[in-house]
Amino acid sequence: MRCALLSVALVAAIAVGSAASPSTAAVRWQWPTVGDHRVDRGFAPPLDAYGAGHRGVDLRAMTGSAVSLVAAGTVSYVGSIDGVAMITIDHGDERSTYQPVLATVSRGERVESGEVIGRLLRTGSHCSPHACLHLGRKRGETYLDPLALLQLPARARLIDPFGALPRAASSSMVNGILLRPTSGEVSSPFGMRRHPLTGEVKLHDGTDFATACGTPVQAAAAGRVVRTYEDKDYGKRVFIDHGIWQGRRIVTIYNHLSSDNVRVGQRVNTGQLIARVGTTGLSTGCHLHFMVERNGTAVDPAPLVR
């Protein structure tokens, strides 16, 4: 009889454990918007609970487009905060938030990963006059970076927070994939061409994205800003070191910028706003000349950009 009771208790414990929501820390999030996964602004947590910062990421999308759930969970809030429509989903020990979104789900409803939970609004957009989804991630009262779950996890190791930065054991690139650094069509790919101003036939050592001056430029991957300066040919430039990938150091370079808002030595997140498109240096018009260097040699960015 005692063994039978223990067996029943064990079965009940297993049932309770399986019903509990898993930790989202072990779950890769699905992208909640359709398109090229453009991040207008990355995660920049405040120094304190009331300080200035950016407590999520802004994902550019079209007004009225579907917003889908990043991971299975239960709707815990549908409403407005300061006039901005918002949805909160409970995933267990973490929550995801979506704004500005007109909800198509109700509080208490169980929803599955990838299920449409609403439509994107322009009113209350962080990217006004454009629409974008502000996606947040919280554990208790702590804000976390959603991009850490919106991509394959990178290998990490503990370091001395007061010591020198170690040489990276692996790159912040995920499977060699870089985020598209800005909007616009590719106006000139990597390869040999005749320079439109000098007429010289030479290697075009990057990819040109034609878009309006002032368009945001985002970090293609997490890394450290190692150089910023202005050159007579390349104009205003920003260099970001992403560490070692497949035994080679990867650096991305952003050229012809109108302005930048990073400093040498600064750590940046994937998708973080680092600069604005311009036409500085030897340029025929507003565009971003995006370069990737592998051990100091320029390579074609196209196979690496998603």
Foldseek 3Di string as FASTA:
>chain_A
DVVVVVVVVVVVVVVVVVPAFDDCVPAFWAAFFDDQQAWQAFFFDAPDLPGDTQLETWTFDAFFGFGFGRAWFFWADFDDDPRKTKTWGDRHQKIKMKINWDAPDDHGDTDGGGHTGTTWHCVPAPPPVGTIIGMWMDGPSDTDYSVCRNAPHDDDDDDDPPDDDDADPAFQAGVLAWEDFFDADFPDFWAWDQDPPPRDTDTLQFTKGDDAWFTFTWGRAKFFWADWDADQAFGTKTKGWGGDHPRWTKIKMKTQFPFFDDDGGDIDHRNHGGGTWHRHHNGPGTIIGMFMDTNRHTDGCVVRYD
